Amino acid sequence: MPRPMHVSDSIEIAADPMTIYREVADPSQMGRWSPENQGTAAPGRGPLRVGDEFVGRNRRGPGRWSTACTVIAAEPGERFAFWVHRIGLRTPVLRGAIATWSYTFAPAGEGRTLVTETWQDDRTGWSDAWAARFDRLVTRGSTFDRFQAGNIRRTLARLKTDLER
């Protein structure tokens, strides 16, 4: 059976789509919600635009790494997405298709928004067997689709708590 190449989850938040978009489209804020991302070296504060690049700082247990990302969708109040295309310890130097992250924002009634976060595995050139071995090593026993499903659930729950305060 081929490995799942994407996972997605949604949550309803008591805030309007533009408010949530402005927060999520500023990746320097992601460390507030993500269990792995510790923030970014982004090109200034505020929502990024298509073509903007940023460096994500990540941590999983004792492991730390950086990723180079490029914004591929920035539709205010509707969708924000970025492509992860380089990775490294302190500096992302190894090139390759790694992942695409996207966030959509849909009105869900008065003053409410359905936020959907999606992770897509862009390692299409990897065999399923090689990916499974690598994934279990770096996640301490899981595949990336299951691991990222948990990360997405935690991120969305933290985003909801933060923005509904």
Protein backbone atom coordinates (compact mmCIF):
# COMPACT_ATOMS: atom_id res chain seq x y z
CA MET A 1 0.00 0.00 0.00
CA PRO A 2 1.48 3.39 -0.96
CA ARG A 3 2.15 5.84 1.84
CA PRO A 4 -0.33 8.67 2.45
CA MET A 5 1.07 11.83 0.90
CA HIS A 6 -1.04 14.38 2.76
CA VAL A 7 -2.99 14.90 5.95
CA SER A 8 -5.41 17.60 6.87
CA ASP A 9 -7.57 18.67 9.79
CA SER A 10 -9.94 21.54 10.53
CA ILE A 11 -11.18 23.52 13.50
CA GLU A 12 -13.78 26.23 13.92
CA ILE A 13 -12.48 29.42 15.54
CA ALA A 14 -14.53 32.33 16.88
CA ALA A 15 -12.77 34.98 14.78
CA ASP A 16 -13.23 36.32 11.27
CA PRO A 17 -11.17 34.91 8.35
CA MET A 18 -9.06 38.07 7.88
CA THR A 19 -8.00 38.17 11.53
CA ILE A 20 -6.88 34.55 11.44
CA TYR A 21 -5.26 34.96 8.02
CA ARG A 22 -3.15 37.92 9.22
CA GLU A 23 -1.78 35.80 12.08
CA VAL A 24 -1.09 32.62 10.10
CA ALA A 25 0.33 34.44 7.04
CA ASP A 26 3.07 35.85 9.30
CA PRO A 27 5.15 32.69 9.80
CA SER A 28 7.24 34.39 12.48
CA GLN A 29 4.18 33.82 14.71
CA MET A 30 3.92 30.04 14.11
CA GLY A 31 6.08 29.24 17.15
CA ARG A 32 3.13 30.35 19.29
CA TRP A 33 1.06 27.38 18.11
CA SER A 34 3.22 24.70 16.50
CA PRO A 35 4.69 21.84 18.54
CA GLU A 36 7.77 21.85 16.25
CA ASN A 37 8.24 25.25 14.69
CA GLN A 38 10.06 27.68 16.94
CA GLY A 39 9.46 30.74 14.76
CA THR A 40 11.12 32.03 11.64
CA ALA A 41 13.56 34.43 10.18
CA ALA A 42 10.88 36.12 8.06
CA PRO A 43 11.34 39.22 5.88
CA GLY A 44 9.55 41.62 8.22
CA ARG A 45 6.39 41.46 10.27
CA GLY A 46 2.94 40.96 8.91
CA PRO A 47 1.43 38.73 6.26
CA LEU A 48 3.85 37.53 3.59
CA ARG A 49 3.15 37.63 -0.13
CA VAL A 50 3.62 35.08 -2.92
CA GLY A 51 7.32 34.73 -3.65
CA ASP A 52 8.48 35.82 -0.18
CA GLU A 53 11.00 33.48 1.39
CA PHE A 54 11.62 32.71 5.04
CA VAL A 55 13.70 30.34 7.16
CA GLY A 56 11.81 28.18 9.64
CA ARG A 57 13.49 27.18 12.90
CA ASN A 58 12.33 23.77 14.07
CA ARG A 59 12.79 21.44 17.02
CA ARG A 60 11.73 17.85 17.68
CA GLY A 61 13.01 16.52 21.00
CA PRO A 62 16.76 17.21 21.07
CA GLY A 63 16.92 17.66 17.27
CA ARG A 64 17.02 21.13 15.74
CA TRP A 65 17.01 22.11 12.07
CA SER A 66 16.20 24.94 9.69
CA THR A 67 14.13 24.95 6.53
CA ALA A 68 13.98 27.37 3.60
CA CYS A 69 10.41 28.08 2.55
CA THR A 70 8.76 30.08 -0.23
CA VAL A 71 5.21 31.42 -0.07
CA ILE A 72 3.19 29.95 -2.96
CA ALA A 73 -0.31 31.23 -2.06
CA ALA A 74 -1.36 34.39 -0.24
CA GLU A 75 -5.04 35.11 -0.74
CA PRO A 76 -6.07 37.36 2.18
CA GLY A 77 -8.82 35.81 4.27
CA GLU A 78 -8.90 32.67 2.12
CA ARG A 79 -5.62 30.75 1.76
CA PHE A 80 -1.96 30.85 2.76
CA ALA A 81 0.57 28.21 1.65
CA PHE A 82 4.31 27.70 1.49
CA TRP A 83 6.69 25.19 -0.01
CA VAL A 84 9.60 23.76 2.02
CA HIS A 85 12.51 23.23 -0.39
CA ARG A 86 15.79 23.27 1.59
CA ILE A 87 16.83 21.85 4.93
CA GLY A 88 19.88 21.93 7.16
CA LEU A 89 21.00 22.19 10.75
CA ARG A 90 21.71 25.90 11.21
CA THR A 91 21.44 26.89 7.57
CA PRO A 92 19.12 25.15 5.10
CA VAL A 93 21.57 24.05 2.39
CA LEU A 94 20.28 20.67 1.17
CA ARG A 95 17.88 21.25 -1.72
CA GLY A 96 14.91 19.06 -2.41
CA ALA A 97 11.15 18.90 -2.45
CA ILE A 98 10.27 18.34 1.21
CA ALA A 99 6.71 19.44 1.97
CA THR A 100 3.97 21.95 1.28
CA TRP A 101 1.91 23.44 4.10
CA SER A 102 -1.37 25.21 3.46
CA TYR A 103 -4.07 26.91 5.49
CA THR A 104 -7.56 27.74 4.26
CA PHE A 105 -10.07 30.01 5.96
CA ALA A 106 -13.80 29.62 5.29
CA PRO A 107 -16.59 31.61 6.94
CA ALA A 108 -18.55 29.35 9.33
CA GLY A 109 -21.31 31.62 10.55
CA GLU A 110 -21.32 34.99 12.22
CA GLY A 111 -17.82 35.80 13.45
CA ARG A 112 -16.59 32.21 13.02
CA THR A 113 -14.11 30.62 10.63
CA LEU A 114 -13.33 27.05 9.66
CA VAL A 115 -9.53 26.82 9.51
CA THR A 116 -8.02 23.85 7.67
CA GLU A 117 -4.31 23.01 7.89
CA THR A 118 -2.85 20.59 5.34
CA TRP A 119 0.57 18.96 5.11
CA GLN A 120 1.61 17.46 1.78
CA ASP A 121 4.62 15.16 1.51
CA ASP A 122 6.60 16.39 -1.50
CA ARG A 123 9.18 13.58 -1.30
CA THR A 124 7.67 11.92 -4.35
CA GLY A 125 11.02 10.60 -5.54
CA TRP A 126 11.47 8.52 -2.38
CA SER A 127 10.37 4.90 -2.37
CA ASP A 128 7.70 4.07 0.19
CA ALA A 129 10.07 1.66 1.95
CA TRP A 130 12.87 4.25 2.23
CA ALA A 131 10.46 6.95 3.39
CA ALA A 132 9.00 4.62 6.05
CA ARG A 133 12.46 3.83 7.45
CA PHE A 134 13.51 7.49 7.45
CA ASP A 135 10.21 8.64 8.98
CA ARG A 136 10.36 6.10 11.81
CA LEU A 137 13.93 7.14 12.60
CA VAL A 138 13.28 10.89 12.79
CA THR A 139 9.87 10.67 14.49
CA ARG A 140 10.86 7.92 16.92
CA GLY A 141 8.60 5.26 15.49
CA SER A 142 5.88 6.88 13.38
CA THR A 143 5.30 7.66 9.74
CA PHE A 144 5.17 11.33 8.75
CA ASP A 145 1.48 11.26 7.88
CA ARG A 146 0.53 10.04 11.38
CA PHE A 147 3.11 12.26 13.05
CA GLN A 148 1.97 15.36 11.16
CA ALA A 149 -1.70 14.58 11.88
CA GLY A 150 -0.90 14.94 15.59
CA ASN A 151 1.09 18.13 14.99
CA ILE A 152 -1.75 19.63 12.97
CA ARG A 153 -4.31 18.82 15.69
CA ARG A 154 -2.13 20.47 18.35
CA THR A 155 -1.38 23.50 16.18
CA LEU A 156 -5.04 24.12 15.38
CA ALA A 157 -6.10 23.69 19.02
CA ARG A 158 -3.43 26.16 20.18
CA LEU A 159 -4.38 28.62 17.42
CA LYS A 160 -8.02 28.45 18.54
CA THR A 161 -7.15 28.97 22.21
CA ASP A 162 -4.84 31.88 21.39
CA LEU A 163 -7.19 33.72 19.03
CA GLU A 164 -10.31 33.22 21.12
CA ARG A 165 -8.76 34.90 24.18
